[in-house]
Each structure stands twice: as structure tokens, then as C-alpha cells.
Amino acid sequence: MPPDFYNEDIIFEEPEELMNIFSYHEEQNLKKIRESQEIEDQLEMEKEREAKVKKEIGNEIIEQEKI
């Protein structure tokens, strides 16, 4: 091992600092997960709306063809 292997700068003075950083990042990740789920829900609603509109338009075309 090189002689300076154990000579590292200490980034955190207190263990609580590291826990605060982990907590912050965990909160940010959970926020992004929630936002992503909301986007997925909105996308699903839009797909359902699109299917409904296509069905209505299809029915209108069928009615027009009968005339």
C-alpha cells in the first residue's frame, strides 16, 4: 500500500451531515417517483380519452355512410 493510502480528507465532520444529505436525496427521489406516477396516470387518461374519441368518430362515420 502507498504510504498516503489512509491520509484522506474528512468530508463530513459529523455523521448527522451525511444522514441529512441522504435524507434530502431520498426526498428528492420520492418526489420524482410521485411526479412520474402522476405523468403516467395523465398519459393513461389521455389514451382512454383518445380511444373514446376514436370510437365516437367511428360511429359518426358509420352513421354518415348509412345516409
N, C-alpha and C. Protein backbone atom coordinates (compact mmCIF):
# COMPACT_ATOMS: atom_id res chain seq x y z
N MET A 1 0.84 -1.18 0.00
CA MET A 1 0.00 0.00 0.00
C MET A 1 0.89 1.24 0.00
N PRO A 2 0.42 2.27 -0.72
CA PRO A 2 1.20 3.51 -0.70
C PRO A 2 1.15 4.14 0.69
N PRO A 3 2.14 4.89 1.05
CA PRO A 3 2.19 5.47 2.41
C PRO A 3 1.04 6.43 2.71
N ASP A 4 0.48 7.06 1.68
CA ASP A 4 -0.60 8.03 1.95
C ASP A 4 -1.99 7.43 1.76
N PHE A 5 -2.08 6.10 1.73
CA PHE A 5 -3.36 5.43 1.50
C PHE A 5 -4.43 5.84 2.51
N TYR A 6 -4.07 5.98 3.74
CA TYR A 6 -5.03 6.31 4.79
C TYR A 6 -5.13 7.80 5.06
N ASN A 7 -4.42 8.60 4.32
CA ASN A 7 -4.44 10.05 4.53
C ASN A 7 -5.50 10.69 3.62
N GLU A 8 -6.73 10.51 3.98
CA GLU A 8 -7.83 11.08 3.19
C GLU A 8 -8.41 12.28 3.93
N ASP A 9 -8.89 13.22 3.17
CA ASP A 9 -9.57 14.35 3.78
C ASP A 9 -10.93 13.87 4.30
N ILE A 10 -11.25 14.35 5.46
CA ILE A 10 -12.55 14.01 6.04
C ILE A 10 -13.56 15.03 5.51
N ILE A 11 -14.53 14.52 4.77
CA ILE A 11 -15.52 15.40 4.15
C ILE A 11 -16.60 15.80 5.15
N PHE A 12 -16.98 14.87 6.01
CA PHE A 12 -18.05 15.12 6.96
C PHE A 12 -17.49 15.14 8.38
N GLU A 13 -17.80 16.21 9.06
CA GLU A 13 -17.35 16.32 10.44
C GLU A 13 -18.23 15.51 11.38
N GLU A 14 -19.52 15.52 11.11
CA GLU A 14 -20.48 14.83 11.97
C GLU A 14 -21.26 13.81 11.14
N PRO A 15 -21.56 12.66 11.72
CA PRO A 15 -22.35 11.66 10.98
C PRO A 15 -23.72 12.20 10.56
N GLU A 16 -24.25 13.13 11.32
CA GLU A 16 -25.56 13.69 11.02
C GLU A 16 -25.56 14.42 9.66
N GLU A 17 -24.43 14.97 9.29
CA GLU A 17 -24.33 15.65 8.00
C GLU A 17 -24.62 14.69 6.85
N LEU A 18 -24.02 13.54 6.94
CA LEU A 18 -24.22 12.53 5.90
C LEU A 18 -25.67 12.07 5.89
N MET A 19 -26.25 11.88 7.04
CA MET A 19 -27.66 11.47 7.12
C MET A 19 -28.57 12.54 6.52
N ASN A 20 -28.25 13.80 6.75
CA ASN A 20 -29.05 14.88 6.17
C ASN A 20 -28.99 14.85 4.64
N ILE A 21 -27.82 14.59 4.12
CA ILE A 21 -27.67 14.52 2.67
C ILE A 21 -28.45 13.33 2.11
N PHE A 22 -28.34 12.17 2.76
CA PHE A 22 -29.10 11.00 2.32
C PHE A 22 -30.60 11.28 2.39
N SER A 23 -31.04 11.91 3.45
CA SER A 23 -32.46 12.21 3.60
C SER A 23 -32.94 13.16 2.51
N TYR A 24 -32.15 14.16 2.23
CA TYR A 24 -32.50 15.11 1.18
C TYR A 24 -32.65 14.40 -0.17
N HIS A 25 -31.68 13.55 -0.50
CA HIS A 25 -31.73 12.85 -1.79
C HIS A 25 -32.87 11.83 -1.83
N GLU A 26 -33.16 11.23 -0.70
CA GLU A 26 -34.29 10.30 -0.66
C GLU A 26 -35.60 11.06 -0.91
N GLU A 27 -35.75 12.21 -0.30
CA GLU A 27 -36.95 13.03 -0.52
C GLU A 27 -37.06 13.45 -1.99
N GLN A 28 -35.94 13.84 -2.58
CA GLN A 28 -35.95 14.24 -3.99
C GLN A 28 -36.33 13.06 -4.89
N ASN A 29 -35.81 11.89 -4.58
CA ASN A 29 -36.15 10.70 -5.37
C ASN A 29 -37.62 10.36 -5.24
N LEU A 30 -38.15 10.42 -4.03
CA LEU A 30 -39.57 10.13 -3.84
C LEU A 30 -40.43 11.15 -4.58
N LYS A 31 -40.02 12.40 -4.57
CA LYS A 31 -40.75 13.45 -5.30
C LYS A 31 -40.77 13.12 -6.80
N LYS A 32 -39.64 12.73 -7.33
CA LYS A 32 -39.57 12.39 -8.76
C LYS A 32 -40.40 11.15 -9.07
N ILE A 33 -40.42 10.19 -8.18
CA ILE A 33 -41.25 9.00 -8.38
C ILE A 33 -42.72 9.38 -8.42
N ARG A 34 -43.15 10.24 -7.49
CA ARG A 34 -44.55 10.69 -7.48
C ARG A 34 -44.89 11.45 -8.76
N GLU A 35 -44.00 12.34 -9.18
CA GLU A 35 -44.24 13.10 -10.40
C GLU A 35 -44.34 12.17 -11.60
N SER A 36 -43.49 11.18 -11.65
CA SER A 36 -43.51 10.22 -12.75
C SER A 36 -44.82 9.42 -12.75
N GLN A 37 -45.29 9.04 -11.56
CA GLN A 37 -46.56 8.31 -11.47
C GLN A 37 -47.73 9.20 -11.91
N GLU A 38 -47.69 10.48 -11.56
CA GLU A 38 -48.73 11.39 -11.98
C GLU A 38 -48.74 11.54 -13.50
N ILE A 39 -47.57 11.62 -14.09
CA ILE A 39 -47.47 11.71 -15.55
C ILE A 39 -48.02 10.45 -16.20
N GLU A 40 -47.68 9.29 -15.64
CA GLU A 40 -48.20 8.03 -16.17
C GLU A 40 -49.72 7.99 -16.07
N ASP A 41 -50.28 8.47 -14.96
CA ASP A 41 -51.73 8.50 -14.80
C ASP A 41 -52.37 9.43 -15.83
N GLN A 42 -51.76 10.59 -16.04
CA GLN A 42 -52.29 11.53 -17.04
C GLN A 42 -52.22 10.93 -18.44
N LEU A 43 -51.14 10.25 -18.74
CA LEU A 43 -51.00 9.62 -20.04
C LEU A 43 -52.07 8.55 -20.24
N GLU A 44 -52.33 7.77 -19.22
CA GLU A 44 -53.36 6.74 -19.30
C GLU A 44 -54.73 7.37 -19.54
N MET A 45 -55.01 8.47 -18.85
CA MET A 45 -56.29 9.16 -19.05
C MET A 45 -56.40 9.68 -20.48
N GLU A 46 -55.32 10.21 -21.01
CA GLU A 46 -55.32 10.71 -22.39
C GLU A 46 -55.52 9.58 -23.39
N LYS A 47 -54.93 8.43 -23.13
CA LYS A 47 -55.12 7.27 -24.01
C LYS A 47 -56.58 6.83 -24.01
N GLU A 48 -57.19 6.82 -22.82
CA GLU A 48 -58.60 6.45 -22.72
C GLU A 48 -59.48 7.46 -23.44
N ARG A 49 -59.15 8.74 -23.28
CA ARG A 49 -59.92 9.79 -23.97
C ARG A 49 -59.77 9.65 -25.49
N GLU A 50 -58.56 9.37 -25.94
CA GLU A 50 -58.32 9.20 -27.37
C GLU A 50 -59.13 8.02 -27.92
N ALA A 51 -59.16 6.91 -27.18
CA ALA A 51 -59.92 5.74 -27.61
C ALA A 51 -61.41 6.08 -27.70
N LYS A 52 -61.89 6.84 -26.72
CA LYS A 52 -63.31 7.23 -26.71
C LYS A 52 -63.63 8.11 -27.91
N VAL A 53 -62.77 9.08 -28.20
CA VAL A 53 -62.99 9.98 -29.34
C VAL A 53 -62.96 9.19 -30.64
N LYS A 54 -62.00 8.27 -30.78
CA LYS A 54 -61.92 7.45 -32.00
C LYS A 54 -63.19 6.63 -32.18
N LYS A 55 -63.69 6.10 -31.08
CA LYS A 55 -64.92 5.30 -31.16
C LYS A 55 -66.09 6.18 -31.58
N GLU A 56 -66.20 7.37 -31.00
CA GLU A 56 -67.29 8.29 -31.35
C GLU A 56 -67.19 8.70 -32.81
N ILE A 57 -65.98 9.00 -33.27
CA ILE A 57 -65.79 9.39 -34.67
C ILE A 57 -66.13 8.21 -35.58
N GLY A 58 -65.72 7.02 -35.18
CA GLY A 58 -66.05 5.83 -35.97
C GLY A 58 -67.55 5.64 -36.09
N ASN A 59 -68.25 5.84 -35.00
CA ASN A 59 -69.72 5.71 -35.03
C ASN A 59 -70.34 6.79 -35.92
N GLU A 60 -69.81 8.01 -35.88
CA GLU A 60 -70.32 9.08 -36.73
C GLU A 60 -70.09 8.75 -38.20
N ILE A 61 -68.93 8.19 -38.52
CA ILE A 61 -68.64 7.83 -39.92
C ILE A 61 -69.61 6.76 -40.38
N ILE A 62 -69.88 5.77 -39.54
CA ILE A 62 -70.82 4.71 -39.89
C ILE A 62 -72.20 5.31 -40.14
N GLU A 63 -72.63 6.23 -39.30
CA GLU A 63 -73.95 6.88 -39.48
C GLU A 63 -73.98 7.67 -40.78
N GLN A 64 -72.88 8.37 -41.09
CA GLN A 64 -72.83 9.16 -42.32
C GLN A 64 -72.86 8.25 -43.55
N GLU A 65 -72.23 7.10 -43.47
CA GLU A 65 -72.22 6.17 -44.58
C GLU A 65 -73.59 5.60 -44.85
N LYS A 66 -74.40 5.51 -43.81
CA LYS A 66 -75.77 4.98 -43.97
C LYS A 66 -76.64 5.98 -44.75
N ILE A 67 -76.32 7.25 -44.67
CA ILE A 67 -77.14 8.29 -45.30
C ILE A 67 -76.89 8.37 -46.75
